[in-house]
Amino acid sequence: MDLHIIVKIKSSYQEWKALFDLHSEKRAQLCDESKTLVGEVDTTTATVTLFSVDVEAMGAMMADPEFIKMTEEHVEEHIRYVINPLSPPQ
């Protein structure tokens, strides 16, 4: 499954991105990290697009108390969306 996540940031994009970058090996266990897209929308919002996600494993990781503690000073909210490819017009 492919996911698009809007990240509402408490700290700054730069601080959040540094934390995000530190965990690429962990993400690689949950998705195809080689395709991960991340970008700054504004100073308090980032977008992340993940491909071939193991949704069950990602849910468990994001609910883990260690993950919550690590992100609590940087992230206000993760807003998750499922991405479905569109078929070409007929």
PDB file of N, CA and C in Angstrom:
ATOM      1  N   MET A   1       0.844  -1.170   0.000  1.00  0.00           N
ATOM      2  CA  MET A   1       0.000   0.000   0.000  1.00  0.00           C
ATOM      3  C   MET A   1       0.893   1.237   0.000  1.00  0.00           C
ATOM      4  N   ASP A   2       0.463   2.259  -0.719  1.00  0.00           N
ATOM      5  CA  ASP A   2       1.197   3.521  -0.770  1.00  0.00           C
ATOM      6  C   ASP A   2       0.483   4.546   0.113  1.00  0.00           C
ATOM      7  N   LEU A   3       1.255   5.327   0.845  1.00  0.00           N
ATOM      8  CA  LEU A   3       0.690   6.303   1.782  1.00  0.00           C
ATOM      9  C   LEU A   3       1.262   7.695   1.538  1.00  0.00           C
ATOM     10  N   HIS A   4       0.420   8.685   1.788  1.00  0.00           N
ATOM     11  CA  HIS A   4       0.858  10.078   1.795  1.00  0.00           C
ATOM     12  C   HIS A   4       0.541  10.596   3.189  1.00  0.00           C
ATOM     13  N   ILE A   5       1.526  11.203   3.830  1.00  0.00           N
ATOM     14  CA  ILE A   5       1.366  11.666   5.209  1.00  0.00           C
ATOM     15  C   ILE A   5       1.664  13.157   5.273  1.00  0.00           C
ATOM     16  N   ILE A   6       0.736  13.898   5.847  1.00  0.00           N
ATOM     17  CA  ILE A   6       0.971  15.312   6.141  1.00  0.00           C
ATOM     18  C   ILE A   6       1.414  15.365   7.598  1.00  0.00           C
ATOM     19  N   VAL A   7       2.555  15.974   7.826  1.00  0.00           N
ATOM     20  CA  VAL A   7       3.118  16.057   9.172  1.00  0.00           C
ATOM     21  C   VAL A   7       2.975  17.496   9.653  1.00  0.00           C
ATOM     22  N   LYS A   8       2.222  17.677  10.728  1.00  0.00           N
ATOM     23  CA  LYS A   8       2.097  18.986  11.362  1.00  0.00           C
ATOM     24  C   LYS A   8       3.213  19.078  12.404  1.00  0.00           C
ATOM     25  N   ILE A   9       4.105  20.039  12.210  1.00  0.00           N
ATOM     26  CA  ILE A   9       5.349  20.114  12.980  1.00  0.00           C
ATOM     27  C   ILE A   9       5.238  21.129  14.122  1.00  0.00           C
ATOM     28  N   LYS A  10       5.712  20.720  15.306  1.00  0.00           N
ATOM     29  CA  LYS A  10       5.770  21.616  16.469  1.00  0.00           C
ATOM     30  C   LYS A  10       7.068  22.410  16.490  1.00  0.00           C
ATOM     31  N   SER A  11       8.163  21.768  16.135  1.00  0.00           N
ATOM     32  CA  SER A  11       9.477  22.416  16.216  1.00  0.00           C
ATOM     33  C   SER A  11       9.716  23.212  14.942  1.00  0.00           C
ATOM     34  N   SER A  12      10.611  22.793  14.104  1.00  0.00           N
ATOM     35  CA  SER A  12      10.843  23.426  12.808  1.00  0.00           C
ATOM     36  C   SER A  12      11.018  22.326  11.777  1.00  0.00           C
ATOM     37  N   TYR A  13      10.841  22.667  10.522  1.00  0.00           N
ATOM     38  CA  TYR A  13      11.035  21.662   9.471  1.00  0.00           C
ATOM     39  C   TYR A  13      12.453  21.094   9.537  1.00  0.00           C
ATOM     40  N   GLN A  14      13.438  21.938   9.721  1.00  0.00           N
ATOM     41  CA  GLN A  14      14.826  21.485   9.732  1.00  0.00           C
ATOM     42  C   GLN A  14      15.082  20.486  10.867  1.00  0.00           C
ATOM     43  N   GLU A  15      14.564  20.784  12.059  1.00  0.00           N
ATOM     44  CA  GLU A  15      14.742  19.864  13.190  1.00  0.00           C
ATOM     45  C   GLU A  15      14.009  18.551  12.937  1.00  0.00           C
ATOM     46  N   TRP A  16      12.767  18.647  12.452  1.00  0.00           N
ATOM     47  CA  TRP A  16      11.999  17.436  12.159  1.00  0.00           C
ATOM     48  C   TRP A  16      12.693  16.608  11.076  1.00  0.00           C
ATOM     49  N   LYS A  17      13.164  17.261  10.016  1.00  0.00           N
ATOM     50  CA  LYS A  17      13.796  16.557   8.890  1.00  0.00           C
ATOM     51  C   LYS A  17      15.067  15.848   9.351  1.00  0.00           C
ATOM     52  N   ALA A  18      15.834  16.464  10.230  1.00  0.00           N
ATOM     53  CA  ALA A  18      17.037  15.818  10.755  1.00  0.00           C
ATOM     54  C   ALA A  18      16.665  14.525  11.484  1.00  0.00           C
ATOM     55  N   LEU A  19      15.600  14.555  12.269  1.00  0.00           N
ATOM     56  CA  LEU A  19      15.122  13.365  12.970  1.00  0.00           C
ATOM     57  C   LEU A  19      14.627  12.322  11.965  1.00  0.00           C
ATOM     58  N   PHE A  20      13.862  12.762  10.982  1.00  0.00           N
ATOM     59  CA  PHE A  20      13.355  11.871   9.930  1.00  0.00           C
ATOM     60  C   PHE A  20      14.508  11.165   9.218  1.00  0.00           C
ATOM     61  N   ASP A  21      15.530  11.913   8.864  1.00  0.00           N
ATOM     62  CA  ASP A  21      16.672  11.353   8.128  1.00  0.00           C
ATOM     63  C   ASP A  21      17.434  10.310   8.938  1.00  0.00           C
ATOM     64  N   LEU A  22      17.442  10.442  10.251  1.00  0.00           N
ATOM     65  CA  LEU A  22      18.160   9.496  11.107  1.00  0.00           C
ATOM     66  C   LEU A  22      17.537   8.094  11.091  1.00  0.00           C
ATOM     67  N   HIS A  23      16.298   7.988  10.639  1.00  0.00           N
ATOM     68  CA  HIS A  23      15.579   6.722  10.755  1.00  0.00           C
ATOM     69  C   HIS A  23      15.275   6.054   9.423  1.00  0.00           C
ATOM     70  N   SER A  24      16.097   6.304   8.418  1.00  0.00           N
ATOM     71  CA  SER A  24      15.848   5.716   7.103  1.00  0.00           C
ATOM     72  C   SER A  24      15.998   4.187   7.132  1.00  0.00           C
ATOM     73  N   GLU A  25      16.917   3.673   7.929  1.00  0.00           N
ATOM     74  CA  GLU A  25      17.083   2.213   7.994  1.00  0.00           C
ATOM     75  C   GLU A  25      15.856   1.546   8.597  1.00  0.00           C
ATOM     76  N   LYS A  26      15.278   2.163   9.614  1.00  0.00           N
ATOM     77  CA  LYS A  26      14.054   1.621  10.227  1.00  0.00           C
ATOM     78  C   LYS A  26      12.903   1.666   9.217  1.00  0.00           C
ATOM     79  N   ARG A  27      12.775   2.803   8.497  1.00  0.00           N
ATOM     80  CA  ARG A  27      11.707   2.913   7.484  1.00  0.00           C
ATOM     81  C   ARG A  27      11.874   1.871   6.397  1.00  0.00           C
ATOM     82  N   ALA A  28      13.125   1.558   6.053  1.00  0.00           N
ATOM     83  CA  ALA A  28      13.395   0.576   4.990  1.00  0.00           C
ATOM     84  C   ALA A  28      12.864  -0.809   5.355  1.00  0.00           C
ATOM     85  N   GLN A  29      12.645  -1.062   6.631  1.00  0.00           N
ATOM     86  CA  GLN A  29      12.050  -2.328   7.065  1.00  0.00           C
ATOM     87  C   GLN A  29      10.539  -2.330   6.863  1.00  0.00           C
ATOM     88  N   LEU A  30       9.949  -1.134   6.646  1.00  0.00           N
ATOM     89  CA  LEU A  30       8.492  -0.988   6.570  1.00  0.00           C
ATOM     90  C   LEU A  30       7.976  -0.609   5.186  1.00  0.00           C
ATOM     91  N   CYS A  31       8.876  -0.110   4.324  1.00  0.00           N
ATOM     92  CA  CYS A  31       8.456   0.362   3.010  1.00  0.00           C
ATOM     93  C   CYS A  31       9.647   0.332   2.052  1.00  0.00           C
ATOM     94  N   ASP A  32       9.387   0.692   0.798  1.00  0.00           N
ATOM     95  CA  ASP A  32      10.474   0.808  -0.180  1.00  0.00           C
ATOM     96  C   ASP A  32      11.097   2.193  -0.009  1.00  0.00           C
ATOM     97  N   GLU A  33      12.086   2.274   0.857  1.00  0.00           N
ATOM     98  CA  GLU A  33      12.701   3.554   1.223  1.00  0.00           C
ATOM     99  C   GLU A  33      13.346   4.253   0.027  1.00  0.00           C
ATOM    100  N   SER A  34      13.733   3.485  -0.988  1.00  0.00           N
ATOM    101  CA  SER A  34      14.362   4.101  -2.163  1.00  0.00           C
ATOM    102  C   SER A  34      13.403   5.010  -2.924  1.00  0.00           C
ATOM    103  N   LYS A  35      12.099   4.848  -2.697  1.00  0.00           N
ATOM    104  CA  LYS A  35      11.093   5.669  -3.378  1.00  0.00           C
ATOM    105  C   LYS A  35      10.502   6.757  -2.477  1.00  0.00           C
ATOM    106  N   THR A  36      10.899   6.799  -1.208  1.00  0.00           N
ATOM    107  CA  THR A  36      10.329   7.759  -0.263  1.00  0.00           C
ATOM    108  C   THR A  36      10.548   9.198  -0.734  1.00  0.00           C
ATOM    109  N   LEU A  37       9.474   9.979  -0.671  1.00  0.00           N
ATOM    110  CA  LEU A  37       9.515  11.399  -1.012  1.00  0.00           C
ATOM    111  C   LEU A  37       9.197  12.199   0.241  1.00  0.00           C
ATOM    112  N   VAL A  38       9.935  13.270   0.465  1.00  0.00           N
ATOM    113  CA  VAL A  38       9.695  14.119   1.628  1.00  0.00           C
ATOM    114  C   VAL A  38       9.938  15.566   1.214  1.00  0.00           C
ATOM    115  N   GLY A  39       9.099  16.465   1.720  1.00  0.00           N
ATOM    116  CA  GLY A  39       9.272  17.864   1.358  1.00  0.00           C
ATOM    117  C   GLY A  39       8.669  18.809   2.376  1.00  0.00           C
ATOM    118  N   GLU A  40       9.155  20.027   2.338  1.00  0.00           N
ATOM    119  CA  GLU A  40       8.671  21.092   3.210  1.00  0.00           C
ATOM    120  C   GLU A  40       7.543  21.827   2.503  1.00  0.00           C
ATOM    121  N   VAL A  41       6.398  21.918   3.159  1.00  0.00           N
ATOM    122  CA  VAL A  41       5.281  22.702   2.637  1.00  0.00           C
ATOM    123  C   VAL A  41       5.419  24.130   3.143  1.00  0.00           C
ATOM    124  N   ASP A  42       5.621  24.259   4.444  1.00  0.00           N
ATOM    125  CA  ASP A  42       5.896  25.551   5.074  1.00  0.00           C
ATOM    126  C   ASP A  42       6.639  25.260   6.373  1.00  0.00           C
ATOM    127  N   THR A  43       6.847  26.247   7.206  1.00  0.00           N
ATOM    128  CA  THR A  43       7.692  26.062   8.395  1.00  0.00           C
ATOM    129  C   THR A  43       7.118  25.063   9.398  1.00  0.00           C
ATOM    130  N   THR A  44       5.813  24.792   9.337  1.00  0.00           N
ATOM    131  CA  THR A  44       5.210  23.865  10.292  1.00  0.00           C
ATOM    132  C   THR A  44       4.505  22.680   9.635  1.00  0.00           C
ATOM    133  N   THR A  45       4.788  22.446   8.363  1.00  0.00           N
ATOM    134  CA  THR A  45       4.150  21.328   7.668  1.00  0.00           C
ATOM    135  C   THR A  45       5.135  20.667   6.715  1.00  0.00           C
ATOM    136  N   ALA A  46       5.142  19.330   6.765  1.00  0.00           N
ATOM    137  CA  ALA A  46       5.932  18.537   5.823  1.00  0.00           C
ATOM    138  C   ALA A  46       5.010  17.518   5.177  1.00  0.00           C
ATOM    139  N   THR A  47       5.419  17.008   4.019  1.00  0.00           N
ATOM    140  CA  THR A  47       4.705  15.899   3.401  1.00  0.00           C
ATOM    141  C   THR A  47       5.678  14.752   3.205  1.00  0.00           C
ATOM    142  N   VAL A  48       5.163  13.553   3.390  1.00  0.00           N
ATOM    143  CA  VAL A  48       5.955  12.337   3.202  1.00  0.00           C
ATOM    144  C   VAL A  48       5.106  11.382   2.364  1.00  0.00           C
ATOM    145  N   THR A  49       5.689  10.828   1.323  1.00  0.00           N
ATOM    146  CA  THR A  49       5.013   9.816   0.522  1.00  0.00           C
ATOM    147  C   THR A  49       5.842   8.544   0.597  1.00  0.00           C
ATOM    148  N   LEU A  50       5.179   7.463   0.991  1.00  0.00           N
ATOM    149  CA  LEU A  50       5.838   6.176   1.176  1.00  0.00           C
ATOM    150  C   LEU A  50       5.200   5.146   0.249  1.00  0.00           C
ATOM    151  N   PHE A  51       6.008   4.240  -0.284  1.00  0.00           N
ATOM    152  CA  PHE A  51       5.539   3.247  -1.245  1.00  0.00           C
ATOM    153  C   PHE A  51       5.775   1.834  -0.723  1.00  0.00           C
ATOM    154  N   SER A  52       4.877   0.939  -1.093  1.00  0.00           N
ATOM    155  CA  SER A  52       4.956  -0.483  -0.690  1.00  0.00           C
ATOM    156  C   SER A  52       5.083  -0.609   0.827  1.00  0.00           C
ATOM    157  N   VAL A  53       4.174   0.048   1.516  1.00  0.00           N
ATOM    158  CA  VAL A  53       4.213   0.107   2.982  1.00  0.00           C
ATOM    159  C   VAL A  53       3.574  -1.131   3.597  1.00  0.00           C
ATOM    160  N   ASP A  54       4.234  -1.698   4.594  1.00  0.00           N
ATOM    161  CA  ASP A  54       3.638  -2.715   5.450  1.00  0.00           C
ATOM    162  C   ASP A  54       2.860  -1.934   6.506  1.00  0.00           C
ATOM    163  N   VAL A  55       1.576  -1.743   6.245  1.00  0.00           N
ATOM    164  CA  VAL A  55       0.753  -0.843   7.071  1.00  0.00           C
ATOM    165  C   VAL A  55       0.650  -1.342   8.508  1.00  0.00           C
ATOM    166  N   GLU A  56       0.541  -2.635   8.693  1.00  0.00           N
ATOM    167  CA  GLU A  56       0.449  -3.175  10.047  1.00  0.00           C
ATOM    168  C   GLU A  56       1.720  -2.877  10.843  1.00  0.00           C
ATOM    169  N   ALA A  57       2.869  -3.091  10.226  1.00  0.00           N
ATOM    170  CA  ALA A  57       4.149  -2.821  10.899  1.00  0.00           C
ATOM    171  C   ALA A  57       4.328  -1.324  11.158  1.00  0.00           C
ATOM    172  N   MET A  58       3.903  -0.492  10.195  1.00  0.00           N
ATOM    173  CA  MET A  58       4.032   0.949  10.389  1.00  0.00           C
ATOM    174  C   MET A  58       3.126   1.427  11.519  1.00  0.00           C
ATOM    175  N   GLY A  59       1.907   0.900  11.569  1.00  0.00           N
ATOM    176  CA  GLY A  59       0.996   1.256  12.658  1.00  0.00           C
ATOM    177  C   GLY A  59       1.570   0.888  14.010  1.00  0.00           C
ATOM    178  N   ALA A  60       2.176  -0.291  14.089  1.00  0.00           N
ATOM    179  CA  ALA A  60       2.788  -0.728  15.347  1.00  0.00           C
ATOM    180  C   ALA A  60       3.951   0.181  15.730  1.00  0.00           C
ATOM    181  N   MET A  61       4.762   0.560  14.742  1.00  0.00           N
ATOM    182  CA  MET A  61       5.901   1.446  15.011  1.00  0.00           C
ATOM    183  C   MET A  61       5.417   2.804  15.523  1.00  0.00           C
ATOM    184  N   MET A  62       4.400   3.366  14.860  1.00  0.00           N
ATOM    185  CA  MET A  62       3.928   4.700  15.241  1.00  0.00           C
ATOM    186  C   MET A  62       3.199   4.695  16.584  1.00  0.00           C
ATOM    187  N   ALA A  63       2.713   3.543  17.023  1.00  0.00           N
ATOM    188  CA  ALA A  63       2.047   3.428  18.324  1.00  0.00           C
ATOM    189  C   ALA A  63       3.034   3.062  19.438  1.00  0.00           C
ATOM    190  N   ASP A  64       4.261   2.745  19.062  1.00  0.00           N
ATOM    191  CA  ASP A  64       5.274   2.352  20.038  1.00  0.00           C
ATOM    192  C   ASP A  64       5.616   3.533  20.938  1.00  0.00           C
ATOM    193  N   PRO A  65       5.632   3.331  22.257  1.00  0.00           N
ATOM    194  CA  PRO A  65       5.950   4.436  23.173  1.00  0.00           C
ATOM    195  C   PRO A  65       7.290   5.110  22.879  1.00  0.00           C
ATOM    196  N   GLU A  66       8.277   4.351  22.416  1.00  0.00           N
ATOM    197  CA  GLU A  66       9.584   4.935  22.089  1.00  0.00           C
ATOM    198  C   GLU A  66       9.467   5.914  20.915  1.00  0.00           C
ATOM    199  N   PHE A  67       8.688   5.531  19.889  1.00  0.00           N
ATOM    200  CA  PHE A  67       8.471   6.412  18.742  1.00  0.00           C
ATOM    201  C   PHE A  67       7.713   7.668  19.174  1.00  0.00           C
ATOM    202  N   ILE A  68       6.690   7.489  19.997  1.00  0.00           N
ATOM    203  CA  ILE A  68       5.903   8.630  20.481  1.00  0.00           C
ATOM    204  C   ILE A  68       6.788   9.592  21.261  1.00  0.00           C
ATOM    205  N   LYS A  69       7.614   9.054  22.145  1.00  0.00           N
ATOM    206  CA  LYS A  69       8.509   9.904  22.939  1.00  0.00           C
ATOM    207  C   LYS A  69       9.503  10.639  22.039  1.00  0.00           C
ATOM    208  N   MET A  70      10.050   9.931  21.039  1.00  0.00           N
ATOM    209  CA  MET A  70      11.044  10.515  20.137  1.00  0.00           C
ATOM    210  C   MET A  70      10.455  11.674  19.324  1.00  0.00           C
ATOM    211  N   THR A  71       9.185  11.560  18.938  1.00  0.00           N
ATOM    212  CA  THR A  71       8.589  12.557  18.054  1.00  0.00           C
ATOM    213  C   THR A  71       7.745  13.615  18.763  1.00  0.00           C
ATOM    214  N   GLU A  72       7.444  13.432  20.039  1.00  0.00           N
ATOM    215  CA  GLU A  72       6.481  14.301  20.704  1.00  0.00           C
ATOM    216  C   GLU A  72       6.867  15.788  20.718  1.00  0.00           C
ATOM    217  N   GLU A  73       8.137  16.115  20.779  1.00  0.00           N
ATOM    218  CA  GLU A  73       8.508  17.535  20.782  1.00  0.00           C
ATOM    219  C   GLU A  73       8.590  18.119  19.370  1.00  0.00           C
ATOM    220  N   HIS A  74       8.507  17.251  18.362  1.00  0.00           N
ATOM    221  CA  HIS A  74       8.621  17.709  16.979  1.00  0.00           C
ATOM    222  C   HIS A  74       7.318  17.636  16.186  1.00  0.00           C
ATOM    223  N   VAL A  75       6.454  16.681  16.530  1.00  0.00           N
ATOM    224  CA  VAL A  75       5.265  16.419  15.707  1.00  0.00           C
ATOM    225  C   VAL A  75       3.986  16.645  16.501  1.00  0.00           C
ATOM    226  N   GLU A  76       3.131  17.495  15.945  1.00  0.00           N
ATOM    227  CA  GLU A  76       1.811  17.711  16.525  1.00  0.00           C
ATOM    228  C   GLU A  76       0.850  16.623  16.063  1.00  0.00           C
ATOM    229  N   GLU A  77       0.947  16.264  14.773  1.00  0.00           N
ATOM    230  CA  GLU A  77      -0.011  15.311  14.216  1.00  0.00           C
ATOM    231  C   GLU A  77       0.515  14.726  12.909  1.00  0.00           C
ATOM    232  N   HIS A  78       0.197  13.447  12.672  1.00  0.00           N
ATOM    233  CA  HIS A  78       0.420  12.796  11.381  1.00  0.00           C
ATOM    234  C   HIS A  78      -0.964  12.568  10.768  1.00  0.00           C
ATOM    235  N   ILE A  79      -1.197  13.110   9.586  1.00  0.00           N
ATOM    236  CA  ILE A  79      -2.468  12.914   8.886  1.00  0.00           C
ATOM    237  C   ILE A  79      -2.184  11.985   7.712  1.00  0.00           C
ATOM    238  N   ARG A  80      -2.742  10.784   7.761  1.00  0.00           N
ATOM    239  CA  ARG A  80      -2.397   9.739   6.790  1.00  0.00           C
ATOM    240  C   ARG A  80      -3.479   9.575   5.721  1.00  0.00           C
ATOM    241  N   TYR A  81      -3.009   9.358   4.489  1.00  0.00           N
ATOM    242  CA  TYR A  81      -3.886   9.096   3.348  1.00  0.00           C
ATOM    243  C   TYR A  81      -3.358   7.893   2.582  1.00  0.00           C
ATOM    244  N   VAL A  82      -4.260   7.096   2.052  1.00  0.00           N
ATOM    245  CA  VAL A  82      -3.896   5.994   1.170  1.00  0.00           C
ATOM    246  C   VAL A  82      -3.902   6.532  -0.252  1.00  0.00           C
ATOM    247  N   ILE A  83      -2.887   6.157  -1.024  1.00  0.00           N
ATOM    248  CA  ILE A  83      -2.784   6.582  -2.419  1.00  0.00           C
ATOM    249  C   ILE A  83      -3.162   5.402  -3.310  1.00  0.00           C
ATOM    250  N   ASN A  84      -4.078   5.646  -4.219  1.00  0.00           N
ATOM    251  CA  ASN A  84      -4.468   4.643  -5.207  1.00  0.00           C
ATOM    252  C   ASN A  84      -4.169   5.195  -6.591  1.00  0.00           C
ATOM    253  N   PRO A  85      -3.420   4.445  -7.398  1.00  0.00           N
ATOM    254  CA  PRO A  85      -3.121   4.924  -8.751  1.00  0.00           C
ATOM    255  C   PRO A  85      -4.402   5.076  -9.579  1.00  0.00           C
ATOM    256  N   LEU A  86      -4.417   6.084 -10.425  1.00  0.00           N
ATOM    257  CA  LEU A  86      -5.534   6.285 -11.347  1.00  0.00           C
ATOM    258  C   LEU A  86      -5.243   5.551 -12.647  1.00  0.00           C
ATOM    259  N   SER A  87      -6.274   4.958 -13.201  1.00  0.00           N
ATOM    260  CA  SER A  87      -6.123   4.334 -14.518  1.00  0.00           C
ATOM    261  C   SER A  87      -6.065   5.429 -15.566  1.00  0.00           C
ATOM    262  N   PRO A  88      -5.337   5.190 -16.651  1.00  0.00           N
ATOM    263  CA  PRO A  88      -5.298   6.194 -17.715  1.00  0.00           C
ATOM    264  C   PRO A  88      -6.692   6.382 -18.323  1.00  0.00           C
ATOM    265  N   PRO A  89      -6.984   7.576 -18.812  1.00  0.00           N
ATOM    266  CA  PRO A  89      -8.297   7.800 -19.432  1.00  0.00           C
ATOM    267  C   PRO A  89      -8.477   6.890 -20.649  1.00  0.00           C
ATOM    268  N   GLN A  90      -9.681   6.510 -20.868  1.00  0.00           N
ATOM    269  CA  GLN A  90     -10.004   5.623 -22.017  1.00  0.00           C
ATOM    270  C   GLN A  90     -10.152   6.420 -23.287  1.00  0.00           C
TER     271      GLN A  90
END
